[in-house]
């Protein structure tokens, strides 16, 4: 699925919209590594799979 970035969007906010969990931002980042800056109008690919438990555990350790 694709999502068009809106003003004020951040990866955590987008992750919350699609996955219900702000910590899943890495899933979106990994699918869009060529998009470094979130500018309104940029289209992001949103994987339909939710982020894995492993990613959540990793993010908790890093944060």
PDB file of N, CA and C in Angstrom:
ATOM      1  N   UNK A   1       0.849  -1.157   0.000  1.00  0.00           N
ATOM      2  CA  UNK A   1       0.000   0.000   0.000  1.00  0.00           C
ATOM      3  C   UNK A   1       0.903   1.232   0.000  1.00  0.00           C
ATOM      4  N   UNK A   2       0.415   2.301  -0.586  1.00  0.00           N
ATOM      5  CA  UNK A   2       1.182   3.542  -0.632  1.00  0.00           C
ATOM      6  C   UNK A   2       0.490   4.624   0.178  1.00  0.00           C
ATOM      7  N   UNK A   3       1.281   5.520   0.736  1.00  0.00           N
ATOM      8  CA  UNK A   3       0.785   6.631   1.540  1.00  0.00           C
ATOM      9  C   UNK A   3       1.513   7.894   1.101  1.00  0.00           C
ATOM     10  N   UNK A   4       0.764   8.976   0.933  1.00  0.00           N
ATOM     11  CA  UNK A   4       1.360  10.254   0.572  1.00  0.00           C
ATOM     12  C   UNK A   4       1.611  11.062   1.837  1.00  0.00           C
ATOM     13  N   UNK A   5       2.860  11.457   2.034  1.00  0.00           N
ATOM     14  CA  UNK A   5       3.258  12.199   3.228  1.00  0.00           C
ATOM     15  C   UNK A   5       2.517  13.530   3.280  1.00  0.00           C
ATOM     16  N   UNK A   6       2.038  13.845   4.480  1.00  0.00           N
ATOM     17  CA  UNK A   6       1.337  15.100   4.726  1.00  0.00           C
ATOM     18  C   UNK A   6       2.191  15.983   5.637  1.00  0.00           C
ATOM     19  N   UNK A   7       1.885  17.259   5.664  1.00  0.00           N
ATOM     20  CA  UNK A   7       2.602  18.191   6.521  1.00  0.00           C
ATOM     21  C   UNK A   7       2.537  17.727   7.971  1.00  0.00           C
ATOM     22  N   UNK A   8       3.675  17.728   8.641  1.00  0.00           N
ATOM     23  CA  UNK A   8       3.729  17.340  10.047  1.00  0.00           C
ATOM     24  C   UNK A   8       3.921  15.853  10.293  1.00  0.00           C
ATOM     25  N   UNK A   9       3.934  15.058   9.234  1.00  0.00           N
ATOM     26  CA  UNK A   9       4.118  13.614   9.390  1.00  0.00           C
ATOM     27  C   UNK A   9       5.530  13.292   9.880  1.00  0.00           C
ATOM     28  N   UNK A  10       5.613  12.274  10.696  1.00  0.00           N
ATOM     29  CA  UNK A  10       6.876  11.671  11.097  1.00  0.00           C
ATOM     30  C   UNK A  10       6.713  10.172  10.904  1.00  0.00           C
ATOM     31  N   UNK A  11       7.810   9.443  10.860  1.00  0.00           N
ATOM     32  CA  UNK A  11       7.686   7.995  10.721  1.00  0.00           C
ATOM     33  C   UNK A  11       6.907   7.383  11.887  1.00  0.00           C
ATOM     34  N   UNK A  12       7.137   7.798  13.135  1.00  0.00           N
ATOM     35  CA  UNK A  12       6.329   7.243  14.220  1.00  0.00           C
ATOM     36  C   UNK A  12       4.825   7.535  14.067  1.00  0.00           C
ATOM     37  N   UNK A  13       4.479   8.726  13.621  1.00  0.00           N
ATOM     38  CA  UNK A  13       3.054   9.049  13.425  1.00  0.00           C
ATOM     39  C   UNK A  13       2.433   8.196  12.323  1.00  0.00           C
ATOM     40  N   UNK A  14       3.175   7.997  11.245  1.00  0.00           N
ATOM     41  CA  UNK A  14       2.671   7.174  10.147  1.00  0.00           C
ATOM     42  C   UNK A  14       2.528   5.729  10.608  1.00  0.00           C
ATOM     43  N   UNK A  15       3.506   5.245  11.371  1.00  0.00           N
ATOM     44  CA  UNK A  15       3.434   3.875  11.902  1.00  0.00           C
ATOM     45  C   UNK A  15       2.209   3.706  12.790  1.00  0.00           C
ATOM     46  N   UNK A  16       1.910   4.704  13.578  1.00  0.00           N
ATOM     47  CA  UNK A  16       0.733   4.629  14.449  1.00  0.00           C
ATOM     48  C   UNK A  16      -0.554   4.576  13.625  1.00  0.00           C
ATOM     49  N   UNK A  17      -0.601   5.322  12.531  1.00  0.00           N
ATOM     50  CA  UNK A  17      -1.782   5.311  11.659  1.00  0.00           C
ATOM     51  C   UNK A  17      -2.041   3.919  11.082  1.00  0.00           C
ATOM     52  N   UNK A  18      -0.959   3.264  10.648  1.00  0.00           N
ATOM     53  CA  UNK A  18      -1.131   1.999   9.940  1.00  0.00           C
ATOM     54  C   UNK A  18      -1.024   0.762  10.818  1.00  0.00           C
ATOM     55  N   UNK A  19      -0.210   0.841  11.864  1.00  0.00           N
ATOM     56  CA  UNK A  19       0.025  -0.336  12.698  1.00  0.00           C
ATOM     57  C   UNK A  19      -0.511  -0.191  14.115  1.00  0.00           C
ATOM     58  N   UNK A  20      -0.903   1.031  14.487  1.00  0.00           N
ATOM     59  CA  UNK A  20      -1.370   1.255  15.851  1.00  0.00           C
ATOM     60  C   UNK A  20      -0.236   1.247  16.861  1.00  0.00           C
ATOM     61  N   UNK A  21       0.995   1.409  16.393  1.00  0.00           N
ATOM     62  CA  UNK A  21       2.166   1.346  17.269  1.00  0.00           C
ATOM     63  C   UNK A  21       3.260   2.247  16.710  1.00  0.00           C
ATOM     64  N   UNK A  22       3.542   3.328  17.419  1.00  0.00           N
ATOM     65  CA  UNK A  22       4.554   4.287  16.958  1.00  0.00           C
ATOM     66  C   UNK A  22       5.946   3.679  16.845  1.00  0.00           C
ATOM     67  N   UNK A  23       6.218   2.630  17.627  1.00  0.00           N
ATOM     68  CA  UNK A  23       7.562   2.050  17.618  1.00  0.00           C
ATOM     69  C   UNK A  23       7.836   1.232  16.358  1.00  0.00           C
ATOM     70  N   UNK A  24       6.844   1.068  15.509  1.00  0.00           N
ATOM     71  CA  UNK A  24       7.009   0.279  14.280  1.00  0.00           C
ATOM     72  C   UNK A  24       7.522   1.113  13.109  1.00  0.00           C
ATOM     73  N   UNK A  25       8.027   2.296  13.383  1.00  0.00           N
ATOM     74  CA  UNK A  25       8.497   3.171  12.308  1.00  0.00           C
ATOM     75  C   UNK A  25       9.602   2.531  11.475  1.00  0.00           C
ATOM     76  N   UNK A  26      10.398   1.658  12.072  1.00  0.00           N
ATOM     77  CA  UNK A  26      11.511   1.024  11.365  1.00  0.00           C
ATOM     78  C   UNK A  26      11.020   0.197  10.178  1.00  0.00           C
ATOM     79  N   UNK A  27       9.834  -0.406  10.306  1.00  0.00           N
ATOM     80  CA  UNK A  27       9.263  -1.197   9.212  1.00  0.00           C
ATOM     81  C   UNK A  27       9.063  -0.322   7.975  1.00  0.00           C
ATOM     82  N   UNK A  28       8.551   0.881   8.186  1.00  0.00           N
ATOM     83  CA  UNK A  28       8.319   1.821   7.081  1.00  0.00           C
ATOM     84  C   UNK A  28       9.652   2.330   6.540  1.00  0.00           C
ATOM     85  N   UNK A  29      10.567   2.651   7.432  1.00  0.00           N
ATOM     86  CA  UNK A  29      11.884   3.121   7.006  1.00  0.00           C
ATOM     87  C   UNK A  29      12.590   2.075   6.143  1.00  0.00           C
ATOM     88  N   UNK A  30      12.572   0.830   6.609  1.00  0.00           N
ATOM     89  CA  UNK A  30      13.249  -0.239   5.866  1.00  0.00           C
ATOM     90  C   UNK A  30      12.691  -0.409   4.459  1.00  0.00           C
ATOM     91  N   UNK A  31      11.408  -0.150   4.289  1.00  0.00           N
ATOM     92  CA  UNK A  31      10.769  -0.298   2.979  1.00  0.00           C
ATOM     93  C   UNK A  31      10.981   0.930   2.088  1.00  0.00           C
ATOM     94  N   UNK A  32      11.522   2.010   2.658  1.00  0.00           N
ATOM     95  CA  UNK A  32      11.669   3.266   1.915  1.00  0.00           C
ATOM     96  C   UNK A  32      13.022   3.914   2.173  1.00  0.00           C
ATOM     97  N   UNK A  33      14.080   3.153   2.169  1.00  0.00           N
ATOM     98  CA  UNK A  33      15.391   3.687   2.528  1.00  0.00           C
ATOM     99  C   UNK A  33      15.878   4.780   1.576  1.00  0.00           C
ATOM    100  N   UNK A  34      15.318   4.845   0.389  1.00  0.00           N
ATOM    101  CA  UNK A  34      15.717   5.897  -0.548  1.00  0.00           C
ATOM    102  C   UNK A  34      15.045   7.234  -0.237  1.00  0.00           C
ATOM    103  N   UNK A  35      14.048   7.221   0.646  1.00  0.00           N
ATOM    104  CA  UNK A  35      13.362   8.456   1.053  1.00  0.00           C
ATOM    105  C   UNK A  35      13.949   8.865   2.397  1.00  0.00           C
ATOM    106  N   UNK A  36      14.824   9.870   2.371  1.00  0.00           N
ATOM    107  CA  UNK A  36      15.509  10.269   3.593  1.00  0.00           C
ATOM    108  C   UNK A  36      14.735  11.353   4.335  1.00  0.00           C
ATOM    109  N   UNK A  37      14.154  12.305   3.622  1.00  0.00           N
ATOM    110  CA  UNK A  37      13.433  13.413   4.233  1.00  0.00           C
ATOM    111  C   UNK A  37      11.948  13.272   3.915  1.00  0.00           C
ATOM    112  N   UNK A  38      11.120  13.434   4.934  1.00  0.00           N
ATOM    113  CA  UNK A  38       9.673  13.348   4.725  1.00  0.00           C
ATOM    114  C   UNK A  38       9.152  14.724   4.318  1.00  0.00           C
ATOM    115  N   UNK A  39       8.866  14.849   3.042  1.00  0.00           N
ATOM    116  CA  UNK A  39       8.354  16.100   2.479  1.00  0.00           C
ATOM    117  C   UNK A  39       6.925  15.839   2.020  1.00  0.00           C
ATOM    118  N   UNK A  40       5.986  16.759   2.348  1.00  0.00           N
ATOM    119  CA  UNK A  40       4.614  16.561   1.882  1.00  0.00           C
ATOM    120  C   UNK A  40       4.574  16.291   0.383  1.00  0.00           C
ATOM    121  N   UNK A  41       3.812  15.279   0.030  1.00  0.00           N
ATOM    122  CA  UNK A  41       3.667  14.892  -1.360  1.00  0.00           C
ATOM    123  C   UNK A  41       4.495  13.671  -1.745  1.00  0.00           C
ATOM    124  N   UNK A  42       5.514  13.353  -0.939  1.00  0.00           N
ATOM    125  CA  UNK A  42       6.335  12.168  -1.206  1.00  0.00           C
ATOM    126  C   UNK A  42       5.487  10.934  -0.926  1.00  0.00           C
ATOM    127  N   UNK A  43       5.620   9.935  -1.772  1.00  0.00           N
ATOM    128  CA  UNK A  43       4.851   8.706  -1.609  1.00  0.00           C
ATOM    129  C   UNK A  43       5.726   7.642  -0.957  1.00  0.00           C
ATOM    130  N   UNK A  44       5.213   7.062   0.132  1.00  0.00           N
ATOM    131  CA  UNK A  44       5.913   5.999   0.846  1.00  0.00           C
ATOM    132  C   UNK A  44       5.211   4.673   0.618  1.00  0.00           C
ATOM    133  N   UNK A  45       5.983   3.606   0.558  1.00  0.00           N
ATOM    134  CA  UNK A  45       5.418   2.273   0.527  1.00  0.00           C
ATOM    135  C   UNK A  45       5.223   1.817   1.971  1.00  0.00           C
ATOM    136  N   UNK A  46       4.012   1.380   2.293  1.00  0.00           N
ATOM    137  CA  UNK A  46       3.703   0.878   3.622  1.00  0.00           C
ATOM    138  C   UNK A  46       3.483  -0.622   3.514  1.00  0.00           C
ATOM    139  N   UNK A  47       4.410  -1.426   4.076  1.00  0.00           N
ATOM    140  CA  UNK A  47       4.212  -2.874   4.034  1.00  0.00           C
ATOM    141  C   UNK A  47       2.925  -3.250   4.767  1.00  0.00           C
ATOM    142  N   UNK A  48       2.168  -4.162   4.202  1.00  0.00           N
ATOM    143  CA  UNK A  48       0.900  -4.542   4.817  1.00  0.00           C
ATOM    144  C   UNK A  48       1.093  -5.380   6.074  1.00  0.00           C
ATOM    145  N   UNK A  49       2.254  -6.033   6.184  1.00  0.00           N
ATOM    146  CA  UNK A  49       2.545  -6.785   7.396  1.00  0.00           C
ATOM    147  C   UNK A  49       2.866  -5.799   8.516  1.00  0.00           C
ATOM    148  N   UNK A  50       2.374  -6.092   9.707  1.00  0.00           N
ATOM    149  CA  UNK A  50       2.736  -5.236  10.831  1.00  0.00           C
ATOM    150  C   UNK A  50       4.171  -5.537  11.223  1.00  0.00           C
ATOM    151  N   UNK A  51       4.750  -4.683  12.022  1.00  0.00           N
ATOM    152  CA  UNK A  51       6.137  -4.923  12.420  1.00  0.00           C
ATOM    153  C   UNK A  51       6.207  -6.142  13.332  1.00  0.00           C
ATOM    154  N   UNK A  52       7.341  -6.792  13.288  1.00  0.00           N
ATOM    155  CA  UNK A  52       7.498  -8.039  14.048  1.00  0.00           C
ATOM    156  C   UNK A  52       7.821  -7.754  15.504  1.00  0.00           C
ATOM    157  N   UNK A  53       7.599  -8.744  16.348  1.00  0.00           N
ATOM    158  CA  UNK A  53       7.949  -8.629  17.761  1.00  0.00           C
ATOM    159  C   UNK A  53       9.443  -8.386  17.922  1.00  0.00           C
ATOM    160  N   UNK A  54      10.248  -8.989  17.053  1.00  0.00           N
ATOM    161  CA  UNK A  54      11.692  -8.802  17.129  1.00  0.00           C
ATOM    162  C   UNK A  54      12.065  -7.340  16.922  1.00  0.00           C
ATOM    163  N   UNK A  55      11.430  -6.680  15.939  1.00  0.00           N
ATOM    164  CA  UNK A  55      11.718  -5.272  15.704  1.00  0.00           C
ATOM    165  C   UNK A  55      11.319  -4.444  16.915  1.00  0.00           C
ATOM    166  N   UNK A  56      10.177  -4.732  17.509  1.00  0.00           N
ATOM    167  CA  UNK A  56       9.733  -3.987  18.690  1.00  0.00           C
ATOM    168  C   UNK A  56      10.729  -4.141  19.828  1.00  0.00           C
ATOM    169  N   UNK A  57      11.205  -5.355  20.069  1.00  0.00           N
ATOM    170  CA  UNK A  57      12.181  -5.591  21.127  1.00  0.00           C
ATOM    171  C   UNK A  57      13.461  -4.829  20.849  1.00  0.00           C
ATOM    172  N   UNK A  58      13.931  -4.834  19.596  1.00  0.00           N
ATOM    173  CA  UNK A  58      15.151  -4.147  19.230  1.00  0.00           C
ATOM    174  C   UNK A  58      15.012  -2.644  19.466  1.00  0.00           C
ATOM    175  N   UNK A  59      13.886  -2.069  19.090  1.00  0.00           N
ATOM    176  CA  UNK A  59      13.677  -0.636  19.237  1.00  0.00           C
ATOM    177  C   UNK A  59      13.621  -0.237  20.707  1.00  0.00           C
ATOM    178  N   UNK A  60      13.036  -1.066  21.531  1.00  0.00           N
ATOM    179  CA  UNK A  60      12.969  -0.755  22.966  1.00  0.00           C
ATOM    180  C   UNK A  60      14.381  -0.728  23.545  1.00  0.00           C
ATOM    181  N   UNK A  61      15.233  -1.640  23.120  1.00  0.00           N
ATOM    182  CA  UNK A  61      16.600  -1.689  23.604  1.00  0.00           C
ATOM    183  C   UNK A  61      17.376  -0.455  23.140  1.00  0.00           C
ATOM    184  N   UNK A  62      17.197  -0.063  21.883  1.00  0.00           N
ATOM    185  CA  UNK A  62      17.928   1.058  21.312  1.00  0.00           C
ATOM    186  C   UNK A  62      17.449   2.371  21.895  1.00  0.00           C
ATOM    187  N   UNK A  63      16.156   2.556  22.032  1.00  0.00           N
ATOM    188  CA  UNK A  63      15.598   3.814  22.529  1.00  0.00           C
ATOM    189  C   UNK A  63      15.965   3.945  23.969  1.00  0.00           C
TER     190      UNK A  63
END
